[in-house]
All heavy atoms as atom14 arrays in JSON, in Angstrom:
{
  "sequence": "GFATDDEEHAVGLRCVASVIFDEYAEPIAALSISGPTARISMDRLME",
  "atom14_mask": [
    [1, 1, 1, 1, 0, 0, 0, 0, 0, 0, 0, 0, 0, 0],
    [1, 1, 1, 1, 1, 1, 1, 1, 1, 1, 1, 0, 0, 0],
    [1, 1, 1, 1, 1, 0, 0, 0, 0, 0, 0, 0, 0, 0],
    [1, 1, 1, 1, 1, 1, 1, 0, 0, 0, 0, 0, 0, 0],
    [1, 1, 1, 1, 1, 1, 1, 1, 0, 0, 0, 0, 0, 0],
    [1, 1, 1, 1, 1, 1, 1, 1, 0, 0, 0, 0, 0, 0],
    [1, 1, 1, 1, 1, 1, 1, 1, 1, 0, 0, 0, 0, 0],
    [1, 1, 1, 1, 1, 1, 1, 1, 1, 0, 0, 0, 0, 0],
    [1, 1, 1, 1, 1, 1, 1, 1, 1, 1, 0, 0, 0, 0],
    [1, 1, 1, 1, 1, 0, 0, 0, 0, 0, 0, 0, 0, 0],
    [1, 1, 1, 1, 1, 1, 1, 0, 0, 0, 0, 0, 0, 0],
    [1, 1, 1, 1, 0, 0, 0, 0, 0, 0, 0, 0, 0, 0],
    [1, 1, 1, 1, 1, 1, 1, 1, 0, 0, 0, 0, 0, 0],
    [1, 1, 1, 1, 1, 1, 1, 1, 1, 1, 1, 0, 0, 0],
    [1, 1, 1, 1, 1, 1, 0, 0, 0, 0, 0, 0, 0, 0],
    [1, 1, 1, 1, 1, 1, 1, 0, 0, 0, 0, 0, 0, 0],
    [1, 1, 1, 1, 1, 0, 0, 0, 0, 0, 0, 0, 0, 0],
    [1, 1, 1, 1, 1, 1, 0, 0, 0, 0, 0, 0, 0, 0],
    [1, 1, 1, 1, 1, 1, 1, 0, 0, 0, 0, 0, 0, 0],
    [1, 1, 1, 1, 1, 1, 1, 1, 0, 0, 0, 0, 0, 0],
    [1, 1, 1, 1, 1, 1, 1, 1, 1, 1, 1, 0, 0, 0],
    [1, 1, 1, 1, 1, 1, 1, 1, 0, 0, 0, 0, 0, 0],
    [1, 1, 1, 1, 1, 1, 1, 1, 1, 0, 0, 0, 0, 0],
    [1, 1, 1, 1, 1, 1, 1, 1, 1, 1, 1, 1, 0, 0],
    [1, 1, 1, 1, 1, 0, 0, 0, 0, 0, 0, 0, 0, 0],
    [1, 1, 1, 1, 1, 1, 1, 1, 1, 0, 0, 0, 0, 0],
    [1, 1, 1, 1, 1, 1, 1, 0, 0, 0, 0, 0, 0, 0],
    [1, 1, 1, 1, 1, 1, 1, 1, 0, 0, 0, 0, 0, 0],
    [1, 1, 1, 1, 1, 0, 0, 0, 0, 0, 0, 0, 0, 0],
    [1, 1, 1, 1, 1, 0, 0, 0, 0, 0, 0, 0, 0, 0],
    [1, 1, 1, 1, 1, 1, 1, 1, 0, 0, 0, 0, 0, 0],
    [1, 1, 1, 1, 1, 1, 0, 0, 0, 0, 0, 0, 0, 0],
    [1, 1, 1, 1, 1, 1, 1, 1, 0, 0, 0, 0, 0, 0],
    [1, 1, 1, 1, 1, 1, 0, 0, 0, 0, 0, 0, 0, 0],
    [1, 1, 1, 1, 0, 0, 0, 0, 0, 0, 0, 0, 0, 0],
    [1, 1, 1, 1, 1, 1, 1, 0, 0, 0, 0, 0, 0, 0],
    [1, 1, 1, 1, 1, 1, 1, 0, 0, 0, 0, 0, 0, 0],
    [1, 1, 1, 1, 1, 0, 0, 0, 0, 0, 0, 0, 0, 0],
    [1, 1, 1, 1, 1, 1, 1, 1, 1, 1, 1, 0, 0, 0],
    [1, 1, 1, 1, 1, 1, 1, 1, 0, 0, 0, 0, 0, 0],
    [1, 1, 1, 1, 1, 1, 0, 0, 0, 0, 0, 0, 0, 0],
    [1, 1, 1, 1, 1, 1, 1, 1, 0, 0, 0, 0, 0, 0],
    [1, 1, 1, 1, 1, 1, 1, 1, 0, 0, 0, 0, 0, 0],
    [1, 1, 1, 1, 1, 1, 1, 1, 1, 1, 1, 0, 0, 0],
    [1, 1, 1, 1, 1, 1, 1, 1, 0, 0, 0, 0, 0, 0],
    [1, 1, 1, 1, 1, 1, 1, 1, 0, 0, 0, 0, 0, 0],
    [1, 1, 1, 1, 1, 1, 1, 1, 1, 0, 0, 0, 0, 0]
  ],
  "atom14_positions": [
    [[-43.0, 61.47, -48.6], [-42.84, 61.05, -47.21], [-41.43, 61.04, -46.68], [-41.19, 60.62, -45.55], [0.0, 0.0, 0.0], [0.0, 0.0, 0.0], [0.0, 0.0, 0.0], [0.0, 0.0, 0.0], [0.0, 0.0, 0.0], [0.0, 0.0, 0.0], [0.0, 0.0, 0.0], [0.0, 0.0, 0.0], [0.0, 0.0, 0.0], [0.0, 0.0, 0.0]],
    [[-40.47, 61.53, -47.43], [-39.1, 61.62, -46.94], [-38.34, 62.7, -47.71], [-38.67, 63.02, -48.84], [-38.36, 60.28, -47.03], [-38.24, 59.7, -48.41], [-37.15, 60.03, -49.23], [-39.19, 58.84, -48.9], [-37.04, 59.48, -50.51], [-39.09, 58.28, -50.18], [-38.01, 58.61, -50.98], [0.0, 0.0, 0.0], [0.0, 0.0, 0.0], [0.0, 0.0, 0.0]],
    [[-37.33, 63.24, -47.04], [-36.48, 64.29, -47.63], [-35.14, 63.68, -48.04], [-34.76, 62.61, -47.54], [-36.25, 65.4, -46.61], [0.0, 0.0, 0.0], [0.0, 0.0, 0.0], [0.0, 0.0, 0.0], [0.0, 0.0, 0.0], [0.0, 0.0, 0.0], [0.0, 0.0, 0.0], [0.0, 0.0, 0.0], [0.0, 0.0, 0.0], [0.0, 0.0, 0.0]],
    [[-34.43, 64.37, -48.92], [-33.12, 63.91, -49.35], [-32.08, 65.01, -49.2], [-32.42, 66.2, -49.16], [-33.12, 63.46, -50.83], [-33.49, 64.57, -51.65], [-34.09, 62.31, -51.06], [0.0, 0.0, 0.0], [0.0, 0.0, 0.0], [0.0, 0.0, 0.0], [0.0, 0.0, 0.0], [0.0, 0.0, 0.0], [0.0, 0.0, 0.0], [0.0, 0.0, 0.0]],
    [[-30.84, 64.6, -49.1], [-29.7, 65.51, -49.11], [-28.71, 64.89, -50.09], [-28.13, 63.84, -49.82], [-29.1, 65.61, -47.71], [-27.73, 66.3, -47.67], [-27.21, 66.69, -48.73], [-27.17, 66.4, -46.57], [0.0, 0.0, 0.0], [0.0, 0.0, 0.0], [0.0, 0.0, 0.0], [0.0, 0.0, 0.0], [0.0, 0.0, 0.0], [0.0, 0.0, 0.0]],
    [[-28.56, 65.52, -51.25], [-27.66, 65.02, -52.28], [-26.42, 65.92, -52.33], [-26.34, 66.84, -53.13], [-28.37, 65.0, -53.64], [-27.49, 64.47, -54.76], [-26.46, 63.83, -54.46], [-27.82, 64.71, -55.93], [0.0, 0.0, 0.0], [0.0, 0.0, 0.0], [0.0, 0.0, 0.0], [0.0, 0.0, 0.0], [0.0, 0.0, 0.0], [0.0, 0.0, 0.0]],
    [[-25.51, 65.69, -51.42], [-24.27, 66.45, -51.31], [-24.51, 67.94, -51.03], [-23.7, 68.78, -51.42], [-23.39, 66.28, -52.55], [-22.96, 64.85, -52.82], [-22.02, 64.75, -54.0], [-22.51, 64.69, -55.15], [-20.8, 64.76, -53.77], [0.0, 0.0, 0.0], [0.0, 0.0, 0.0], [0.0, 0.0, 0.0], [0.0, 0.0, 0.0], [0.0, 0.0, 0.0]],
    [[-25.58, 68.27, -50.34], [-25.9, 69.66, -50.03], [-25.22, 70.13, -48.75], [-24.94, 71.31, -48.59], [-27.41, 69.84, -49.92], [-28.12, 69.57, -51.23], [-29.59, 69.36, -51.04], [-30.25, 70.25, -50.48], [-30.1, 68.29, -51.45], [0.0, 0.0, 0.0], [0.0, 0.0, 0.0], [0.0, 0.0, 0.0], [0.0, 0.0, 0.0], [0.0, 0.0, 0.0]],
    [[-24.98, 69.19, -47.85], [-24.32, 69.51, -46.59], [-22.82, 69.19, -46.64], [-22.01, 69.93, -46.12], [-24.99, 68.75, -45.44], [-24.24, 68.85, -44.16], [-23.7, 67.76, -43.53], [-23.91, 69.92, -43.4], [-23.08, 68.15, -42.44], [-23.19, 69.44, -42.33], [0.0, 0.0, 0.0], [0.0, 0.0, 0.0], [0.0, 0.0, 0.0], [0.0, 0.0, 0.0]],
    [[-22.48, 68.07, -47.28], [-21.07, 67.68, -47.39], [-20.85, 66.97, -48.73], [-21.66, 66.13, -49.13], [-20.7, 66.75, -46.24], [0.0, 0.0, 0.0], [0.0, 0.0, 0.0], [0.0, 0.0, 0.0], [0.0, 0.0, 0.0], [0.0, 0.0, 0.0], [0.0, 0.0, 0.0], [0.0, 0.0, 0.0], [0.0, 0.0, 0.0], [0.0, 0.0, 0.0]],
    [[-19.77, 67.3, -49.39], [-19.42, 66.68, -50.67], [-19.19, 65.19, -50.44], [-18.53, 64.79, -49.49], [-18.17, 67.34, -51.27], [-17.72, 66.61, -52.52], [-18.43, 68.81, -51.57], [0.0, 0.0, 0.0], [0.0, 0.0, 0.0], [0.0, 0.0, 0.0], [0.0, 0.0, 0.0], [0.0, 0.0, 0.0], [0.0, 0.0, 0.0], [0.0, 0.0, 0.0]],
    [[-19.79, 64.37, -51.33], [-19.61, 62.93, -51.25], [-20.6, 62.22, -50.34], [-20.52, 61.0, -50.16], [0.0, 0.0, 0.0], [0.0, 0.0, 0.0], [0.0, 0.0, 0.0], [0.0, 0.0, 0.0], [0.0, 0.0, 0.0], [0.0, 0.0, 0.0], [0.0, 0.0, 0.0], [0.0, 0.0, 0.0], [0.0, 0.0, 0.0], [0.0, 0.0, 0.0]],
    [[-21.54, 62.96, -49.77], [-22.51, 62.39, -48.83], [-23.93, 62.52, -49.36], [-24.33, 63.6, -49.82], [-22.41, 63.13, -47.48], [-23.5, 62.84, -46.45], [-23.37, 61.42, -45.93], [-23.41, 63.83, -45.32], [0.0, 0.0, 0.0], [0.0, 0.0, 0.0], [0.0, 0.0, 0.0], [0.0, 0.0, 0.0], [0.0, 0.0, 0.0], [0.0, 0.0, 0.0]],
    [[-24.68, 61.43, -49.29], [-26.12, 61.47, -49.59], [-26.86, 60.92, -48.38], [-26.37, 60.03, -47.69], [-26.45, 60.6, -50.8], [-26.06, 61.22, -52.1], [-26.74, 60.53, -53.29], [-26.32, 61.19, -54.5], [-25.59, 60.62, -55.45], [-25.2, 59.36, -55.35], [-25.24, 61.31, -56.52], [0.0, 0.0, 0.0], [0.0, 0.0, 0.0], [0.0, 0.0, 0.0]],
    [[-28.06, 61.42, -48.18], [-28.88, 60.87, -47.11], [-30.36, 61.08, -47.4], [-30.74, 61.88, -48.24], [-28.47, 61.43, -45.76], [-29.31, 62.9, -45.22], [0.0, 0.0, 0.0], [0.0, 0.0, 0.0], [0.0, 0.0, 0.0], [0.0, 0.0, 0.0], [0.0, 0.0, 0.0], [0.0, 0.0, 0.0], [0.0, 0.0, 0.0], [0.0, 0.0, 0.0]],
    [[-31.15, 60.27, -46.71], [-32.6, 60.39, -46.73], [-33.06, 60.54, -45.29], [-32.37, 60.08, -44.37], [-33.28, 59.15, -47.37], [-32.94, 59.04, -48.83], [-32.89, 57.88, -46.63], [0.0, 0.0, 0.0], [0.0, 0.0, 0.0], [0.0, 0.0, 0.0], [0.0, 0.0, 0.0], [0.0, 0.0, 0.0], [0.0, 0.0, 0.0], [0.0, 0.0, 0.0]],
    [[-34.19, 61.17, -45.08], [-34.66, 61.38, -43.72], [-36.18, 61.46, -43.69], [-36.81, 61.92, -44.65], [-34.07, 62.66, -43.15], [0.0, 0.0, 0.0], [0.0, 0.0, 0.0], [0.0, 0.0, 0.0], [0.0, 0.0, 0.0], [0.0, 0.0, 0.0], [0.0, 0.0, 0.0], [0.0, 0.0, 0.0], [0.0, 0.0, 0.0], [0.0, 0.0, 0.0]],
    [[-36.72, 61.02, -42.58], [-38.16, 61.08, -42.36], [-38.43, 61.5, -40.92], [-37.56, 61.36, -40.05], [-38.79, 59.72, -42.67], [-40.19, 59.83, -42.71], [0.0, 0.0, 0.0], [0.0, 0.0, 0.0], [0.0, 0.0, 0.0], [0.0, 0.0, 0.0], [0.0, 0.0, 0.0], [0.0, 0.0, 0.0], [0.0, 0.0, 0.0], [0.0, 0.0, 0.0]],
    [[-39.63, 61.99, -40.69], [-39.98, 62.61, -39.42], [-40.59, 61.63, -38.43], [-41.32, 60.72, -38.8], [-40.98, 63.77, -39.66], [-41.43, 64.41, -38.38], [-40.37, 64.8, -40.56], [0.0, 0.0, 0.0], [0.0, 0.0, 0.0], [0.0, 0.0, 0.0], [0.0, 0.0, 0.0], [0.0, 0.0, 0.0], [0.0, 0.0, 0.0], [0.0, 0.0, 0.0]],
    [[-40.31, 61.89, -37.16], [-40.95, 61.2, -36.04], [-41.9, 62.22, -35.42], [-41.51, 63.37, -35.16], [-39.89, 60.73, -35.02], [-38.94, 59.73, -35.7], [-40.56, 60.14, -33.78], [-37.69, 59.43, -34.91], [0.0, 0.0, 0.0], [0.0, 0.0, 0.0], [0.0, 0.0, 0.0], [0.0, 0.0, 0.0], [0.0, 0.0, 0.0], [0.0, 0.0, 0.0]],
    [[-43.14, 61.8, -35.19], [-44.18, 62.7, -34.69], [-44.55, 62.4, -33.25], [-44.47, 61.25, -32.8], [-45.45, 62.57, -35.55], [-45.26, 63.01, -36.97], [-44.96, 62.09, -37.96], [-45.39, 64.34, -37.33], [-44.8, 62.48, -39.28], [-45.22, 64.75, -38.64], [-44.92, 63.82, -39.62], [0.0, 0.0, 0.0], [0.0, 0.0, 0.0], [0.0, 0.0, 0.0]],
    [[-45.03, 63.43, -32.54], [-45.52, 63.26, -31.18], [-47.02, 62.93, -31.19], [-47.61, 62.73, -32.25], [-45.2, 64.49, -30.32], [-45.95, 65.75, -30.75], [-46.9, 65.69, -31.56], [-45.55, 66.84, -30.26], [0.0, 0.0, 0.0], [0.0, 0.0, 0.0], [0.0, 0.0, 0.0], [0.0, 0.0, 0.0], [0.0, 0.0, 0.0], [0.0, 0.0, 0.0]],
    [[-47.6, 62.92, -30.02], [-49.03, 62.56, -29.88], [-49.97, 63.59, -30.5], [-51.16, 63.32, -30.68], [-49.39, 62.31, -28.4], [-49.3, 63.53, -27.5], [-47.9, 63.78, -26.91], [-46.9, 63.31, -27.45], [-47.84, 64.47, -25.88], [0.0, 0.0, 0.0], [0.0, 0.0, 0.0], [0.0, 0.0, 0.0], [0.0, 0.0, 0.0], [0.0, 0.0, 0.0]],
    [[-49.47, 64.77, -30.82], [-50.28, 65.82, -31.46], [-50.02, 65.9, -32.96], [-50.43, 66.87, -33.61], [-50.0, 67.18, -30.8], [-50.21, 67.16, -29.31], [-49.11, 67.18, -28.45], [-51.48, 67.08, -28.77], [-49.29, 67.14, -27.08], [-51.67, 67.03, -27.39], [-50.57, 67.07, -26.55], [-50.75, 67.01, -25.19], [0.0, 0.0, 0.0], [0.0, 0.0, 0.0]],
    [[-49.32, 64.92, -33.51], [-48.95, 64.86, -34.93], [-48.02, 66.02, -35.32], [-48.02, 66.48, -36.44], [-50.18, 64.81, -35.83], [0.0, 0.0, 0.0], [0.0, 0.0, 0.0], [0.0, 0.0, 0.0], [0.0, 0.0, 0.0], [0.0, 0.0, 0.0], [0.0, 0.0, 0.0], [0.0, 0.0, 0.0], [0.0, 0.0, 0.0], [0.0, 0.0, 0.0]],
    [[-47.22, 66.48, -34.34], [-46.22, 67.52, -34.57], [-44.84, 66.85, -34.72], [-44.55, 65.88, -34.02], [-46.17, 68.49, -33.39], [-47.45, 69.27, -33.18], [-47.71, 70.3, -34.26], [-46.74, 70.86, -34.79], [-48.89, 70.54, -34.57], [0.0, 0.0, 0.0], [0.0, 0.0, 0.0], [0.0, 0.0, 0.0], [0.0, 0.0, 0.0], [0.0, 0.0, 0.0]],
    [[-43.99, 67.37, -35.59], [-42.65, 66.78, -35.74], [-41.81, 67.02, -34.49], [-41.71, 68.15, -34.02], [-42.07, 67.5, -36.95], [-42.83, 68.77, -37.05], [-44.19, 68.52, -36.48], [0.0, 0.0, 0.0], [0.0, 0.0, 0.0], [0.0, 0.0, 0.0], [0.0, 0.0, 0.0], [0.0, 0.0, 0.0], [0.0, 0.0, 0.0], [0.0, 0.0, 0.0]],
    [[-41.23, 65.94, -33.93], [-40.38, 66.1, -32.74], [-38.92, 65.74, -33.03], [-38.04, 66.14, -32.3], [-40.89, 65.28, -31.53], [-41.0, 63.8, -31.86], [-42.18, 65.85, -31.01], [-41.22, 62.91, -30.66], [0.0, 0.0, 0.0], [0.0, 0.0, 0.0], [0.0, 0.0, 0.0], [0.0, 0.0, 0.0], [0.0, 0.0, 0.0], [0.0, 0.0, 0.0]],
    [[-38.71, 64.97, -34.09], [-37.35, 64.55, -34.44], [-37.37, 64.02, -35.87], [-38.44, 63.9, -36.48], [-36.88, 63.46, -33.48], [0.0, 0.0, 0.0], [0.0, 0.0, 0.0], [0.0, 0.0, 0.0], [0.0, 0.0, 0.0], [0.0, 0.0, 0.0], [0.0, 0.0, 0.0], [0.0, 0.0, 0.0], [0.0, 0.0, 0.0], [0.0, 0.0, 0.0]],
    [[-36.19, 63.72, -36.36], [-36.09, 63.08, -37.68], [-35.0, 62.03, -37.63], [-34.02, 62.14, -36.88], [-35.77, 64.11, -38.76], [0.0, 0.0, 0.0], [0.0, 0.0, 0.0], [0.0, 0.0, 0.0], [0.0, 0.0, 0.0], [0.0, 0.0, 0.0], [0.0, 0.0, 0.0], [0.0, 0.0, 0.0], [0.0, 0.0, 0.0], [0.0, 0.0, 0.0]],
    [[-35.21, 60.99, -38.41], [-34.26, 59.89, -38.54], [-33.69, 59.94, -39.95], [-34.44, 60.16, -40.9], [-35.01, 58.57, -38.31], [-34.26, 57.28, -38.57], [-34.65, 56.27, -37.51], [-34.58, 56.73, -39.94], [0.0, 0.0, 0.0], [0.0, 0.0, 0.0], [0.0, 0.0, 0.0], [0.0, 0.0, 0.0], [0.0, 0.0, 0.0], [0.0, 0.0, 0.0]],
    [[-32.38, 59.77, -40.07], [-31.79, 59.74, -41.41], [-30.93, 58.5, -41.6], [-30.43, 57.92, -40.64], [-30.93, 60.99, -41.67], [-29.74, 60.95, -40.91], [0.0, 0.0, 0.0], [0.0, 0.0, 0.0], [0.0, 0.0, 0.0], [0.0, 0.0, 0.0], [0.0, 0.0, 0.0], [0.0, 0.0, 0.0], [0.0, 0.0, 0.0], [0.0, 0.0, 0.0]],
    [[-30.81, 58.12, -42.86], [-29.92, 57.05, -43.28], [-28.94, 57.72, -44.24], [-29.37, 58.33, -45.22], [-30.68, 55.92, -43.99], [-31.75, 55.33, -43.07], [-29.71, 54.85, -44.47], [-32.69, 54.35, -43.78], [0.0, 0.0, 0.0], [0.0, 0.0, 0.0], [0.0, 0.0, 0.0], [0.0, 0.0, 0.0], [0.0, 0.0, 0.0], [0.0, 0.0, 0.0]],
    [[-27.65, 57.64, -43.95], [-26.69, 58.36, -44.77], [-25.45, 57.54, -45.06], [-25.09, 56.62, -44.33], [-26.29, 59.67, -44.08], [-25.82, 59.44, -42.78], [0.0, 0.0, 0.0], [0.0, 0.0, 0.0], [0.0, 0.0, 0.0], [0.0, 0.0, 0.0], [0.0, 0.0, 0.0], [0.0, 0.0, 0.0], [0.0, 0.0, 0.0], [0.0, 0.0, 0.0]],
    [[-24.82, 57.9, -46.19], [-23.61, 57.21, -46.59], [-22.95, 57.91, -47.76], [-23.46, 58.91, -48.27], [0.0, 0.0, 0.0], [0.0, 0.0, 0.0], [0.0, 0.0, 0.0], [0.0, 0.0, 0.0], [0.0, 0.0, 0.0], [0.0, 0.0, 0.0], [0.0, 0.0, 0.0], [0.0, 0.0, 0.0], [0.0, 0.0, 0.0], [0.0, 0.0, 0.0]],
    [[-21.83, 57.37, -48.2], [-21.1, 57.98, -49.3], [-21.82, 57.79, -50.64], [-22.51, 56.78, -50.85], [-19.76, 57.26, -49.29], [-20.03, 55.96, -48.63], [-21.14, 56.21, -47.65], [0.0, 0.0, 0.0], [0.0, 0.0, 0.0], [0.0, 0.0, 0.0], [0.0, 0.0, 0.0], [0.0, 0.0, 0.0], [0.0, 0.0, 0.0], [0.0, 0.0, 0.0]],
    [[-21.64, 58.75, -51.54], [-22.27, 58.66, -52.86], [-21.78, 57.44, -53.63], [-22.5, 56.94, -54.49], [-21.98, 59.93, -53.69], [-20.57, 60.14, -53.76], [-22.64, 61.14, -53.08], [0.0, 0.0, 0.0], [0.0, 0.0, 0.0], [0.0, 0.0, 0.0], [0.0, 0.0, 0.0], [0.0, 0.0, 0.0], [0.0, 0.0, 0.0], [0.0, 0.0, 0.0]],
    [[-20.61, 56.93, -53.3], [-20.09, 55.72, -53.97], [-20.99, 54.51, -53.73], [-21.08, 53.63, -54.57], [-18.67, 55.41, -53.48], [0.0, 0.0, 0.0], [0.0, 0.0, 0.0], [0.0, 0.0, 0.0], [0.0, 0.0, 0.0], [0.0, 0.0, 0.0], [0.0, 0.0, 0.0], [0.0, 0.0, 0.0], [0.0, 0.0, 0.0], [0.0, 0.0, 0.0]],
    [[-21.7, 54.49, -52.58], [-22.6, 53.37, -52.27], [-24.07, 53.73, -52.45], [-24.91, 52.86, -52.64], [-22.39, 52.89, -50.83], [-21.26, 51.95, -50.64], [-21.36, 51.16, -49.35], [-21.67, 51.94, -48.17], [-20.77, 52.53, -47.38], [-19.49, 52.45, -47.67], [-21.15, 53.19, -46.31], [0.0, 0.0, 0.0], [0.0, 0.0, 0.0], [0.0, 0.0, 0.0]],
    [[-24.37, 55.01, -52.32], [-25.78, 55.41, -52.38], [-26.04, 56.11, -53.71], [-25.89, 57.33, -53.83], [-26.17, 56.29, -51.18], [-25.92, 55.52, -49.88], [-27.63, 56.7, -51.28], [-26.33, 56.25, -48.63], [0.0, 0.0, 0.0], [0.0, 0.0, 0.0], [0.0, 0.0, 0.0], [0.0, 0.0, 0.0], [0.0, 0.0, 0.0], [0.0, 0.0, 0.0]],
    [[-26.44, 55.32, -54.69], [-26.84, 55.86, -55.99], [-28.19, 56.56, -55.82], [-28.84, 56.43, -54.78], [-26.99, 54.72, -57.0], [-28.07, 53.87, -56.6], [0.0, 0.0, 0.0], [0.0, 0.0, 0.0], [0.0, 0.0, 0.0], [0.0, 0.0, 0.0], [0.0, 0.0, 0.0], [0.0, 0.0, 0.0], [0.0, 0.0, 0.0], [0.0, 0.0, 0.0]],
    [[-28.62, 57.26, -56.84], [-29.93, 57.92, -56.76], [-31.05, 56.89, -56.63], [-32.03, 57.12, -55.92], [-30.15, 58.84, -57.97], [-29.22, 60.06, -57.96], [-29.2, 60.99, -56.4], [-30.77, 61.84, -56.53], [0.0, 0.0, 0.0], [0.0, 0.0, 0.0], [0.0, 0.0, 0.0], [0.0, 0.0, 0.0], [0.0, 0.0, 0.0], [0.0, 0.0, 0.0]],
    [[-30.93, 55.74, -57.32], [-31.94, 54.68, -57.18], [-31.98, 54.16, -55.75], [-33.04, 53.96, -55.18], [-31.66, 53.53, -58.15], [-31.97, 53.89, -59.59], [-32.73, 54.85, -59.83], [-31.45, 53.2, -60.49], [0.0, 0.0, 0.0], [0.0, 0.0, 0.0], [0.0, 0.0, 0.0], [0.0, 0.0, 0.0], [0.0, 0.0, 0.0], [0.0, 0.0, 0.0]],
    [[-30.8, 53.91, -55.2], [-30.75, 53.39, -53.83], [-31.23, 54.44, -52.84], [-31.81, 54.11, -51.8], [-29.32, 52.95, -53.47], [-29.26, 52.31, -52.1], [-28.11, 51.36, -51.92], [-28.21, 50.71, -50.64], [-27.39, 50.92, -49.61], [-26.34, 51.73, -49.76], [-27.58, 50.31, -48.47], [0.0, 0.0, 0.0], [0.0, 0.0, 0.0], [0.0, 0.0, 0.0]],
    [[-31.02, 55.71, -53.15], [-31.5, 56.79, -52.29], [-33.01, 56.69, -52.11], [-33.52, 56.84, -51.0], [-31.1, 58.14, -52.89], [-31.21, 59.36, -52.0], [-30.15, 59.34, -50.91], [-31.07, 60.63, -52.82], [0.0, 0.0, 0.0], [0.0, 0.0, 0.0], [0.0, 0.0, 0.0], [0.0, 0.0, 0.0], [0.0, 0.0, 0.0], [0.0, 0.0, 0.0]],
    [[-33.72, 56.41, -53.2], [-35.18, 56.29, -53.12], [-35.59, 55.05, -52.31], [-36.53, 55.1, -51.52], [-35.79, 56.24, -54.53], [-35.6, 57.53, -55.33], [-36.27, 58.99, -54.49], [-34.83, 60.02, -54.37], [0.0, 0.0, 0.0], [0.0, 0.0, 0.0], [0.0, 0.0, 0.0], [0.0, 0.0, 0.0], [0.0, 0.0, 0.0], [0.0, 0.0, 0.0]],
    [[-34.86, 53.96, -52.49], [-35.13, 52.73, -51.72], [-34.91, 52.99, -50.22], [-35.73, 52.6, -49.38], [-34.2, 51.62, -52.21], [-34.21, 50.36, -51.39], [-33.04, 49.44, -51.74], [-32.69, 49.35, -52.94], [-32.47, 48.85, -50.8], [0.0, 0.0, 0.0], [0.0, 0.0, 0.0], [0.0, 0.0, 0.0], [0.0, 0.0, 0.0], [0.0, 0.0, 0.0]]
  ]
}
């Protein structure tokens, strides 16, 4: 139910993201939570 970015876009950055859907159950946007790898461990990434 969510995607991850483990330093794939920028070194030192991790993020998670999930989709926002419209009335037709089509993806219209996505929300992400992101931060430095120093604070976002792999365990915290899943949380």
